[in-house]
Amino acid sequence: QVELVESGGGLAQAGGSLRLSCAASGLTFNHYDLAWFRQAPGNEREFVAQINWSGTATYYADSVKGRFTITRDNAKNTVNLQMNTLKPEDTALYYCAAVFTSYGTRRLPDRKNYPYWGQGTQVTVST
């Protein structure tokens, strides 16, 4: 059974930083592409960042490009999201998601592509 567990959320001031982590179990980790999505109250769940199975390809939403960095550690079965220069509009519930890889560099911003999801971790950015 695939399980994804996010951690690291919390309260930060605008301009500050947070680091999210997602620990995966029940799967062969390096056979999966991983992504972060977020959902603010009243909004649709939106794509934030994606990393391919080997960590050689990353993709970001325009709203976070240059501020957020996604990385993975295949030895520890974890994927991380370093969030810098946080803005109040980054406030949301952040979800980790996984999909079996194609062993390529495909970009998958649509949430419908991901069958596995964590429960989410809350990020709140104050002014």
Foldseek 3Di string as FASTA:
>chain_A
DKAKAKDWADEAAQQAKTKMKIAIDDDQQLQKKKFKWWDDPPGDIWGAKIAHSVRPEMDGDPVQPPFKDWGDDSVRRMIMIIGGNDDQVVWTWMKMFIAGHPPDHDDDGDPVRTPDIHPTDTHGYHD
